[in-house]
Amino acid sequence: MAIEPASSIPLYLGLPMWSFDEWKGSFLARHTPMQYALEEYASVFTAVEGNTTFYSGTPAERTLQQWAERTPDHFRFCFKLPQSLTHEERLAVPQHCLDFLNAIRLLMPKLGPVMIQLPRDFGWQELGKLERLLIQWPPDIPCAVEVRTPEFFHKGEAERALNRLLITYSVDRVMLDVRPLFSTHDDTNRALTKAQQEKPKRPLHVLSTGNSPIIRFIGHFESEANTHFFTPWIEQLALWINQGKTPYLFLHTPDNRRAPELARECWNRLSEHLALTPLPRFPAEQQTSLF
């Protein structure tokens, strides 16, 4: 039986990955083999960040074929360029990036925006390398860029140059919202402290420079903080949708154990303002595995 999309409204919802041992029994069915986690994940969510390519590089052809076979037509993979290209080569060889894009074409039309996550020290002086890549970027594969260098958040000439570049090539700027994560400090909470050390503490600049704005919302363990910081996104997402854009919303928590629950809570809140259909029940709640 075909899995229906969570909503006909152009809004994709997902998590940073589809497979996580800690989700067994709470989100994923307890006895489902992890190699089949993607099917269960895709029965609820419509997109995934797909961080696997950032760390592991280009997937094998057979792996890509399996991912395509195990997901419904409406599902979108939003992979990142491998860190070997962004952090080691620093985009110096655009052809290597294009080779990666050609390889993952096997997933078309299930490819969402491919993200270019730049190093924390990739600044204004290296924008030329980014532009050389964007000039050659295939027009049928959406693209989004995530910057982390402080000068791109000061609203000065560096940030203006970045935004002009992204607008020119209809490339979206990934919005990393870490406000809930950094809203409190607790040295006794190891998971919170670890996440705060790993995530860059940068201001949130809300803007869409392309057609597929991407929000990476890094939640807190405390529901009050998540509710407070997510509330303004409801109106913003509605505005983008009314403008004909297709937003992508990815939810994280400090250790990602409660990421599925946070995503459902945010979807339910959005449903109060947009005509969204309810998310399907989590596989673990159905008491049966899909397999």
C-alpha atoms as a PDB file:
ATOM      1  CA  MET A   1       0.000   0.000   0.000  1.00  0.00           C
ATOM      2  CA  ALA A   2       1.415   3.389  -0.989  1.00  0.00           C
ATOM      3  CA  ILE A   3       2.326   5.772   1.802  1.00  0.00           C
ATOM      4  CA  GLU A   4       0.556   9.081   1.411  1.00  0.00           C
ATOM      5  CA  PRO A   5       2.423  12.368   2.043  1.00  0.00           C
ATOM      6  CA  ALA A   6       1.862  14.035   5.404  1.00  0.00           C
ATOM      7  CA  SER A   7       0.403  17.065   3.680  1.00  0.00           C
ATOM      8  CA  SER A   8      -0.390  18.417   0.234  1.00  0.00           C
ATOM      9  CA  ILE A   9       0.988  21.784   1.383  1.00  0.00           C
ATOM     10  CA  PRO A  10       4.551  22.347   0.083  1.00  0.00           C
ATOM     11  CA  LEU A  11       6.335  21.885   3.403  1.00  0.00           C
ATOM     12  CA  TYR A  12       8.829  19.108   4.082  1.00  0.00           C
ATOM     13  CA  LEU A  13       9.485  17.848   7.603  1.00  0.00           C
ATOM     14  CA  GLY A  14      12.366  15.712   8.785  1.00  0.00           C
ATOM     15  CA  LEU A  15      15.173  14.839  11.171  1.00  0.00           C
ATOM     16  CA  PRO A  16      18.983  14.804  10.855  1.00  0.00           C
ATOM     17  CA  MET A  17      19.047  11.049  10.118  1.00  0.00           C
ATOM     18  CA  TRP A  18      16.671   8.130   9.662  1.00  0.00           C
ATOM     19  CA  SER A  19      18.450   5.483  11.736  1.00  0.00           C
ATOM     20  CA  PHE A  20      19.244   5.811  15.441  1.00  0.00           C
ATOM     21  CA  ASP A  21      19.399   2.979  17.960  1.00  0.00           C
ATOM     22  CA  GLU A  22      17.911   5.166  20.701  1.00  0.00           C
ATOM     23  CA  TRP A  23      14.676   5.539  18.692  1.00  0.00           C
ATOM     24  CA  LYS A  24      13.849   1.845  18.902  1.00  0.00           C
ATOM     25  CA  GLY A  25      10.704   1.383  20.940  1.00  0.00           C
ATOM     26  CA  SER A  26       9.846   5.108  20.982  1.00  0.00           C
ATOM     27  CA  PHE A  27       9.829   6.101  17.309  1.00  0.00           C
ATOM     28  CA  LEU A  28      10.998   3.052  15.367  1.00  0.00           C
ATOM     29  CA  ALA A  29       9.423  -0.324  16.041  1.00  0.00           C
ATOM     30  CA  ARG A  30      11.465  -2.204  18.620  1.00  0.00           C
ATOM     31  CA  HIS A  31      12.196  -5.316  16.553  1.00  0.00           C
ATOM     32  CA  THR A  32      12.716  -3.830  13.107  1.00  0.00           C
ATOM     33  CA  PRO A  33      16.229  -4.514  11.736  1.00  0.00           C
ATOM     34  CA  MET A  34      18.104  -1.219  11.424  1.00  0.00           C
ATOM     35  CA  GLN A  35      18.708  -1.789   7.712  1.00  0.00           C
ATOM     36  CA  TYR A  36      14.968  -1.284   7.278  1.00  0.00           C
ATOM     37  CA  ALA A  37      14.746   1.841   9.424  1.00  0.00           C
ATOM     38  CA  LEU A  38      14.462   4.070   6.349  1.00  0.00           C
ATOM     39  CA  GLU A  39      11.083   2.577   5.397  1.00  0.00           C
ATOM     40  CA  GLU A  40       9.695   3.190   8.874  1.00  0.00           C
ATOM     41  CA  TYR A  41      11.140   6.696   8.987  1.00  0.00           C
ATOM     42  CA  ALA A  42       9.661   7.554   5.577  1.00  0.00           C
ATOM     43  CA  SER A  43       6.235   6.314   6.697  1.00  0.00           C
ATOM     44  CA  VAL A  44       6.110   9.382   8.988  1.00  0.00           C
ATOM     45  CA  PHE A  45       8.470  12.066   7.687  1.00  0.00           C
ATOM     46  CA  THR A  46       8.820  13.503   4.203  1.00  0.00           C
ATOM     47  CA  ALA A  47      12.509  14.498   4.179  1.00  0.00           C
ATOM     48  CA  VAL A  48      15.821  13.778   5.873  1.00  0.00           C
ATOM     49  CA  GLU A  49      19.057  15.725   6.153  1.00  0.00           C
ATOM     50  CA  GLY A  50      21.118  12.718   5.181  1.00  0.00           C
ATOM     51  CA  ASN A  51      24.290  13.631   7.081  1.00  0.00           C
ATOM     52  CA  THR A  52      25.759  10.283   6.068  1.00  0.00           C
ATOM     53  CA  THR A  53      27.301  11.747   2.896  1.00  0.00           C
ATOM     54  CA  PHE A  54      29.038  14.524   4.847  1.00  0.00           C
ATOM     55  CA  TYR A  55      31.018  11.980   6.859  1.00  0.00           C
ATOM     56  CA  SER A  56      31.130   8.948   4.562  1.00  0.00           C
ATOM     57  CA  GLY A  57      31.309  10.444   1.088  1.00  0.00           C
ATOM     58  CA  THR A  58      29.511   9.205  -2.009  1.00  0.00           C
ATOM     59  CA  PRO A  59      27.227   6.210  -1.380  1.00  0.00           C
ATOM     60  CA  ALA A  60      27.587   3.124  -3.528  1.00  0.00           C
ATOM     61  CA  GLU A  61      25.298   2.856  -6.543  1.00  0.00           C
ATOM     62  CA  ARG A  62      23.439  -0.131  -5.092  1.00  0.00           C
ATOM     63  CA  THR A  63      22.933   1.739  -1.811  1.00  0.00           C
ATOM     64  CA  LEU A  64      21.376   4.673  -3.639  1.00  0.00           C
ATOM     65  CA  GLN A  65      19.106   2.324  -5.562  1.00  0.00           C
ATOM     66  CA  GLN A  66      17.951   0.713  -2.326  1.00  0.00           C
ATOM     67  CA  TRP A  67      17.208   4.093  -0.759  1.00  0.00           C
ATOM     68  CA  ALA A  68      15.158   5.044  -3.801  1.00  0.00           C
ATOM     69  CA  GLU A  69      13.241   1.752  -3.683  1.00  0.00           C
ATOM     70  CA  ARG A  70      12.493   2.036   0.041  1.00  0.00           C
ATOM     71  CA  THR A  71      10.967   5.517   0.009  1.00  0.00           C
ATOM     72  CA  PRO A  72       7.688   6.884  -1.407  1.00  0.00           C
ATOM     73  CA  ASP A  73       7.601   9.244  -4.376  1.00  0.00           C
ATOM     74  CA  HIS A  74       7.030  12.335  -2.246  1.00  0.00           C
ATOM     75  CA  PHE A  75      10.105  11.745  -0.051  1.00  0.00           C
ATOM     76  CA  ARG A  76      13.165  14.019  -0.340  1.00  0.00           C
ATOM     77  CA  PHE A  77      16.813  13.354   0.543  1.00  0.00           C
ATOM     78  CA  CYS A  78      18.708  16.530   1.462  1.00  0.00           C
ATOM     79  CA  PHE A  79      22.315  15.399   1.432  1.00  0.00           C
ATOM     80  CA  LYS A  80      25.404  17.423   2.282  1.00  0.00           C
ATOM     81  CA  LEU A  81      28.481  17.607   0.119  1.00  0.00           C
ATOM     82  CA  PRO A  82      31.165  15.377   1.667  1.00  0.00           C
ATOM     83  CA  GLN A  83      33.434  17.159   4.132  1.00  0.00           C
ATOM     84  CA  SER A  84      36.379  15.975   2.038  1.00  0.00           C
ATOM     85  CA  LEU A  85      35.182  18.480  -0.589  1.00  0.00           C
ATOM     86  CA  THR A  86      34.050  21.322   1.669  1.00  0.00           C
ATOM     87  CA  HIS A  87      36.529  21.143   4.551  1.00  0.00           C
ATOM     88  CA  GLU A  88      39.602  19.427   3.116  1.00  0.00           C
ATOM     89  CA  GLU A  89      39.564  20.667  -0.483  1.00  0.00           C
ATOM     90  CA  ARG A  90      37.579  23.804   0.474  1.00  0.00           C
ATOM     91  CA  LEU A  91      35.723  23.637  -2.884  1.00  0.00           C
ATOM     92  CA  ALA A  92      39.013  24.097  -4.727  1.00  0.00           C
ATOM     93  CA  VAL A  93      38.094  21.444  -7.323  1.00  0.00           C
ATOM     94  CA  PRO A  94      34.500  22.073  -8.480  1.00  0.00           C
ATOM     95  CA  GLN A  95      34.573  18.977 -10.683  1.00  0.00           C
ATOM     96  CA  HIS A  96      34.847  16.756  -7.603  1.00  0.00           C
ATOM     97  CA  CYS A  97      31.610  18.295  -6.296  1.00  0.00           C
ATOM     98  CA  LEU A  98      29.946  17.812  -9.677  1.00  0.00           C
ATOM     99  CA  ASP A  99      31.060  14.175  -9.705  1.00  0.00           C
ATOM    100  CA  PHE A 100      29.292  13.706  -6.362  1.00  0.00           C
ATOM    101  CA  LEU A 101      26.119  15.310  -7.706  1.00  0.00           C
ATOM    102  CA  ASN A 102      26.208  13.111 -10.804  1.00  0.00           C
ATOM    103  CA  ALA A 103      26.548  10.024  -8.621  1.00  0.00           C
ATOM    104  CA  ILE A 104      23.533  10.797  -6.432  1.00  0.00           C
ATOM    105  CA  ARG A 105      21.379  11.540  -9.477  1.00  0.00           C
ATOM    106  CA  LEU A 106      20.204   7.955  -9.106  1.00  0.00           C
ATOM    107  CA  LEU A 107      17.811   9.321  -6.483  1.00  0.00           C
ATOM    108  CA  MET A 108      16.116  11.786  -8.816  1.00  0.00           C
ATOM    109  CA  PRO A 109      13.411  13.028  -8.462  1.00  0.00           C
ATOM    110  CA  LYS A 110      13.738  12.385  -4.730  1.00  0.00           C
ATOM    111  CA  LEU A 111      16.640  14.814  -4.311  1.00  0.00           C
ATOM    112  CA  GLY A 112      15.825  17.849  -2.207  1.00  0.00           C
ATOM    113  CA  PRO A 113      18.307  20.701  -1.825  1.00  0.00           C
ATOM    114  CA  VAL A 114      21.900  19.487  -1.582  1.00  0.00           C
ATOM    115  CA  MET A 115      23.598  21.400   1.222  1.00  0.00           C
ATOM    116  CA  ILE A 116      27.066  22.914   1.118  1.00  0.00           C
ATOM    117  CA  GLN A 117      28.118  23.184   4.767  1.00  0.00           C
ATOM    118  CA  LEU A 118      31.190  25.415   4.786  1.00  0.00           C
ATOM    119  CA  PRO A 119      33.972  25.343   7.407  1.00  0.00           C
ATOM    120  CA  ARG A 120      33.874  27.790  10.312  1.00  0.00           C
ATOM    121  CA  ASP A 121      36.816  29.711   8.824  1.00  0.00           C
ATOM    122  CA  PHE A 122      35.531  29.828   5.218  1.00  0.00           C
ATOM    123  CA  GLY A 123      35.091  33.589   4.850  1.00  0.00           C
ATOM    124  CA  TRP A 124      34.599  36.428   2.418  1.00  0.00           C
ATOM    125  CA  GLN A 125      37.995  35.956   0.751  1.00  0.00           C
ATOM    126  CA  GLU A 126      37.001  32.464  -0.410  1.00  0.00           C
ATOM    127  CA  LEU A 127      33.591  33.319  -1.855  1.00  0.00           C
ATOM    128  CA  GLY A 128      35.139  33.124  -5.320  1.00  0.00           C
ATOM    129  CA  LYS A 129      35.560  29.374  -4.894  1.00  0.00           C
ATOM    130  CA  LEU A 130      31.902  29.041  -3.925  1.00  0.00           C
ATOM    131  CA  GLU A 131      30.836  31.074  -6.948  1.00  0.00           C
ATOM    132  CA  ARG A 132      32.930  28.936  -9.319  1.00  0.00           C
ATOM    133  CA  LEU A 133      31.008  25.928  -8.065  1.00  0.00           C
ATOM    134  CA  LEU A 134      27.593  27.588  -8.216  1.00  0.00           C
ATOM    135  CA  ILE A 135      28.202  28.682 -11.813  1.00  0.00           C
ATOM    136  CA  GLN A 136      28.483  25.011 -12.777  1.00  0.00           C
ATOM    137  CA  TRP A 137      25.842  23.647 -10.405  1.00  0.00           C
ATOM    138  CA  PRO A 138      23.195  21.570 -12.275  1.00  0.00           C
ATOM    139  CA  PRO A 139      19.999  23.638 -12.545  1.00  0.00           C
ATOM    140  CA  ASP A 140      17.751  20.642 -11.817  1.00  0.00           C
ATOM    141  CA  ILE A 141      19.312  19.950  -8.391  1.00  0.00           C
ATOM    142  CA  PRO A 142      18.383  22.514  -5.703  1.00  0.00           C
ATOM    143  CA  CYS A 143      21.239  23.891  -3.633  1.00  0.00           C
ATOM    144  CA  ALA A 144      21.574  25.470  -0.186  1.00  0.00           C
ATOM    145  CA  VAL A 145      24.610  26.881   1.605  1.00  0.00           C
ATOM    146  CA  GLU A 146      25.294  26.887   5.341  1.00  0.00           C
ATOM    147  CA  VAL A 147      27.930  29.364   6.525  1.00  0.00           C
ATOM    148  CA  ARG A 148      29.450  29.521   9.984  1.00  0.00           C
ATOM    149  CA  THR A 149      32.127  32.219   9.780  1.00  0.00           C
ATOM    150  CA  PRO A 150      31.224  35.126  12.132  1.00  0.00           C
ATOM    151  CA  GLU A 151      31.764  37.806   9.454  1.00  0.00           C
ATOM    152  CA  PHE A 152      28.762  36.450   7.544  1.00  0.00           C
ATOM    153  CA  PHE A 153      26.508  37.324  10.496  1.00  0.00           C
ATOM    154  CA  HIS A 154      27.569  40.948  11.088  1.00  0.00           C
ATOM    155  CA  LYS A 155      25.327  42.496   8.398  1.00  0.00           C
ATOM    156  CA  GLY A 156      28.397  44.096   6.858  1.00  0.00           C
ATOM    157  CA  GLU A 157      29.905  43.909   3.392  1.00  0.00           C
ATOM    158  CA  ALA A 158      30.897  40.257   3.788  1.00  0.00           C
ATOM    159  CA  GLU A 159      27.335  39.195   4.508  1.00  0.00           C
ATOM    160  CA  ARG A 160      25.944  41.421   1.767  1.00  0.00           C
ATOM    161  CA  ALA A 161      28.361  39.847  -0.718  1.00  0.00           C
ATOM    162  CA  LEU A 162      27.308  36.366   0.386  1.00  0.00           C
ATOM    163  CA  ASN A 163      23.603  37.122   0.094  1.00  0.00           C
ATOM    164  CA  ARG A 164      24.036  38.748  -3.330  1.00  0.00           C
ATOM    165  CA  LEU A 165      25.862  35.652  -4.524  1.00  0.00           C
ATOM    166  CA  LEU A 166      23.150  33.302  -3.273  1.00  0.00           C
ATOM    167  CA  ILE A 167      20.340  35.416  -4.726  1.00  0.00           C
ATOM    168  CA  THR A 168      22.114  35.558  -8.096  1.00  0.00           C
ATOM    169  CA  TYR A 169      22.141  31.775  -8.366  1.00  0.00           C
ATOM    170  CA  SER A 170      18.799  31.164  -6.552  1.00  0.00           C
ATOM    171  CA  VAL A 171      20.587  29.286  -3.793  1.00  0.00           C
ATOM    172  CA  ASP A 172      19.110  29.265  -0.307  1.00  0.00           C
ATOM    173  CA  ARG A 173      21.039  30.089   2.831  1.00  0.00           C
ATOM    174  CA  VAL A 174      20.494  27.411   5.477  1.00  0.00           C
ATOM    175  CA  MET A 175      19.105  28.936   8.678  1.00  0.00           C
ATOM    176  CA  LEU A 176      20.632  27.244  11.715  1.00  0.00           C
ATOM    177  CA  ASP A 177      18.491  28.189  14.725  1.00  0.00           C
ATOM    178  CA  VAL A 178      20.504  27.362  17.861  1.00  0.00           C
ATOM    179  CA  ARG A 179      18.658  29.790  20.161  1.00  0.00           C
ATOM    180  CA  PRO A 180      16.793  27.093  22.108  1.00  0.00           C
ATOM    181  CA  LEU A 181      19.969  25.023  22.509  1.00  0.00           C
ATOM    182  CA  PHE A 182      21.866  27.936  24.066  1.00  0.00           C
ATOM    183  CA  SER A 183      18.939  29.302  26.091  1.00  0.00           C
ATOM    184  CA  THR A 184      20.235  27.666  29.308  1.00  0.00           C
ATOM    185  CA  HIS A 185      23.503  26.233  30.601  1.00  0.00           C
ATOM    186  CA  ASP A 186      23.820  23.196  32.827  1.00  0.00           C
ATOM    187  CA  ASP A 187      27.295  21.780  33.379  1.00  0.00           C
ATOM    188  CA  THR A 188      25.780  18.643  34.909  1.00  0.00           C
ATOM    189  CA  ASN A 189      23.900  17.782  31.698  1.00  0.00           C
ATOM    190  CA  ARG A 190      26.519  16.110  29.524  1.00  0.00           C
ATOM    191  CA  ALA A 191      24.339  15.824  26.422  1.00  0.00           C
ATOM    192  CA  LEU A 192      23.418  19.509  26.531  1.00  0.00           C
ATOM    193  CA  THR A 193      27.009  20.602  27.152  1.00  0.00           C
ATOM    194  CA  LYS A 194      28.305  18.402  24.331  1.00  0.00           C
ATOM    195  CA  ALA A 195      25.755  19.790  21.880  1.00  0.00           C
ATOM    196  CA  GLN A 196      26.586  23.371  22.883  1.00  0.00           C
ATOM    197  CA  GLN A 197      30.266  22.661  22.265  1.00  0.00           C
ATOM    198  CA  GLU A 198      29.637  21.129  18.855  1.00  0.00           C
ATOM    199  CA  LYS A 199      27.118  23.593  17.414  1.00  0.00           C
ATOM    200  CA  PRO A 200      28.277  27.086  16.381  1.00  0.00           C
ATOM    201  CA  LYS A 201      26.671  29.859  18.407  1.00  0.00           C
ATOM    202  CA  ARG A 202      25.700  32.250  15.632  1.00  0.00           C
ATOM    203  CA  PRO A 203      22.900  34.825  15.325  1.00  0.00           C
ATOM    204  CA  LEU A 204      19.794  33.785  13.431  1.00  0.00           C
ATOM    205  CA  HIS A 205      19.271  35.716  10.198  1.00  0.00           C
ATOM    206  CA  VAL A 206      15.902  34.842   8.691  1.00  0.00           C
ATOM    207  CA  LEU A 207      15.877  35.178   4.919  1.00  0.00           C
ATOM    208  CA  SER A 208      15.203  33.087   1.848  1.00  0.00           C
ATOM    209  CA  THR A 209      17.535  33.737  -1.065  1.00  0.00           C
ATOM    210  CA  GLY A 210      16.091  30.929  -3.206  1.00  0.00           C
ATOM    211  CA  ASN A 211      12.931  28.860  -3.503  1.00  0.00           C
ATOM    212  CA  SER A 212      13.504  26.223  -0.816  1.00  0.00           C
ATOM    213  CA  PRO A 213      14.319  27.828   2.546  1.00  0.00           C
ATOM    214  CA  ILE A 214      15.863  25.335   4.975  1.00  0.00           C
ATOM    215  CA  ILE A 215      15.508  25.643   8.743  1.00  0.00           C
ATOM    216  CA  ARG A 216      17.628  23.494  11.049  1.00  0.00           C
ATOM    217  CA  PHE A 217      15.982  24.001  14.436  1.00  0.00           C
ATOM    218  CA  ILE A 218      18.236  22.781  17.268  1.00  0.00           C
ATOM    219  CA  GLY A 219      15.881  22.225  20.165  1.00  0.00           C
ATOM    220  CA  HIS A 220      16.437  21.967  23.901  1.00  0.00           C
ATOM    221  CA  PHE A 221      15.485  19.316  26.432  1.00  0.00           C
ATOM    222  CA  GLU A 222      13.037  21.835  27.925  1.00  0.00           C
ATOM    223  CA  SER A 223       9.710  22.099  26.075  1.00  0.00           C
ATOM    224  CA  GLU A 224       9.211  25.709  27.170  1.00  0.00           C
ATOM    225  CA  ALA A 225      12.326  26.844  25.330  1.00  0.00           C
ATOM    226  CA  ASN A 226      11.341  24.977  22.178  1.00  0.00           C
ATOM    227  CA  THR A 227       7.828  26.436  22.218  1.00  0.00           C
ATOM    228  CA  HIS A 228       9.116  29.959  22.779  1.00  0.00           C
ATOM    229  CA  PHE A 229      11.639  29.927  19.944  1.00  0.00           C
ATOM    230  CA  PHE A 230       9.566  27.922  17.472  1.00  0.00           C
ATOM    231  CA  THR A 231       6.484  30.149  17.684  1.00  0.00           C
ATOM    232  CA  PRO A 232       7.818  32.904  15.341  1.00  0.00           C
ATOM    233  CA  TRP A 233       8.612  30.285  12.708  1.00  0.00           C
ATOM    234  CA  ILE A 234       4.923  29.483  12.281  1.00  0.00           C
ATOM    235  CA  GLU A 235       4.109  32.836  10.712  1.00  0.00           C
ATOM    236  CA  GLN A 236       7.324  32.861   8.711  1.00  0.00           C
ATOM    237  CA  LEU A 237       6.701  29.420   7.215  1.00  0.00           C
ATOM    238  CA  ALA A 238       3.149  30.401   6.311  1.00  0.00           C
ATOM    239  CA  LEU A 239       4.479  33.527   4.581  1.00  0.00           C
ATOM    240  CA  TRP A 240       6.980  31.588   2.498  1.00  0.00           C
ATOM    241  CA  ILE A 241       4.373  29.032   1.483  1.00  0.00           C
ATOM    242  CA  ASN A 242       2.009  31.823   0.424  1.00  0.00           C
ATOM    243  CA  GLN A 243       4.863  33.243  -1.662  1.00  0.00           C
ATOM    244  CA  GLY A 244       5.120  29.950  -3.547  1.00  0.00           C
ATOM    245  CA  LYS A 245       8.242  28.680  -1.808  1.00  0.00           C
ATOM    246  CA  THR A 246       8.791  25.135  -0.539  1.00  0.00           C
ATOM    247  CA  PRO A 247      10.334  25.190   2.946  1.00  0.00           C
ATOM    248  CA  TYR A 248      12.219  22.339   4.581  1.00  0.00           C
ATOM    249  CA  LEU A 249      12.060  22.045   8.382  1.00  0.00           C
ATOM    250  CA  PHE A 250      14.535  19.792  10.186  1.00  0.00           C
ATOM    251  CA  LEU A 251      14.256  19.233  13.932  1.00  0.00           C
ATOM    252  CA  HIS A 252      17.098  18.318  16.289  1.00  0.00           C
ATOM    253  CA  THR A 253      17.425  17.920  20.050  1.00  0.00           C
ATOM    254  CA  PRO A 254      20.745  17.958  21.943  1.00  0.00           C
ATOM    255  CA  ASP A 255      21.252  14.182  21.727  1.00  0.00           C
ATOM    256  CA  ASN A 256      18.465  13.662  19.124  1.00  0.00           C
ATOM    257  CA  ARG A 257      16.693  11.058  21.253  1.00  0.00           C
ATOM    258  CA  ARG A 258      13.544  13.204  21.363  1.00  0.00           C
ATOM    259  CA  ALA A 259      13.885  14.671  17.878  1.00  0.00           C
ATOM    260  CA  PRO A 260      10.881  12.694  16.517  1.00  0.00           C
ATOM    261  CA  GLU A 261       8.667  13.896  19.376  1.00  0.00           C
ATOM    262  CA  LEU A 262       9.808  17.497  18.901  1.00  0.00           C
ATOM    263  CA  ALA A 263       9.073  17.276  15.178  1.00  0.00           C
ATOM    264  CA  ARG A 264       5.553  16.022  15.871  1.00  0.00           C
ATOM    265  CA  GLU A 265       4.960  18.761  18.440  1.00  0.00           C
ATOM    266  CA  CYS A 266       6.071  21.435  15.967  1.00  0.00           C
ATOM    267  CA  TRP A 267       3.955  19.907  13.180  1.00  0.00           C
ATOM    268  CA  ASN A 268       0.915  19.919  15.450  1.00  0.00           C
ATOM    269  CA  ARG A 269       1.487  23.576  16.251  1.00  0.00           C
ATOM    270  CA  LEU A 270       1.830  24.394  12.560  1.00  0.00           C
ATOM    271  CA  SER A 271      -1.415  22.522  11.942  1.00  0.00           C
ATOM    272  CA  GLU A 272      -3.249  25.080  14.043  1.00  0.00           C
ATOM    273  CA  HIS A 273      -2.399  27.719  11.423  1.00  0.00           C
ATOM    274  CA  LEU A 274      -1.972  25.738   8.194  1.00  0.00           C
ATOM    275  CA  ALA A 275      -4.211  23.114   6.629  1.00  0.00           C
ATOM    276  CA  LEU A 276      -1.886  20.226   7.434  1.00  0.00           C
ATOM    277  CA  THR A 277      -2.938  16.625   7.785  1.00  0.00           C
ATOM    278  CA  PRO A 278      -1.820  14.887  11.004  1.00  0.00           C
ATOM    279  CA  LEU A 279       1.474  13.041  10.964  1.00  0.00           C
ATOM    280  CA  PRO A 280       1.031   9.267  10.796  1.00  0.00           C
ATOM    281  CA  ARG A 281       1.502   7.399  14.042  1.00  0.00           C
ATOM    282  CA  PHE A 282       5.059   6.433  14.846  1.00  0.00           C
ATOM    283  CA  PRO A 283       5.895   2.815  13.922  1.00  0.00           C
ATOM    284  CA  ALA A 284       6.620   2.065  17.599  1.00  0.00           C
ATOM    285  CA  GLU A 285       3.108   3.219  18.506  1.00  0.00           C
ATOM    286  CA  GLN A 286       1.520   0.846  16.033  1.00  0.00           C
ATOM    287  CA  GLN A 287       2.911  -2.100  18.027  1.00  0.00           C
ATOM    288  CA  THR A 288       3.835  -3.785  14.762  1.00  0.00           C
ATOM    289  CA  SER A 289       6.759  -3.496  12.423  1.00  0.00           C
ATOM    290  CA  LEU A 290       6.375  -2.761   8.737  1.00  0.00           C
ATOM    291  CA  PHE A 291       8.459  -5.909   8.137  1.00  0.00           C
END
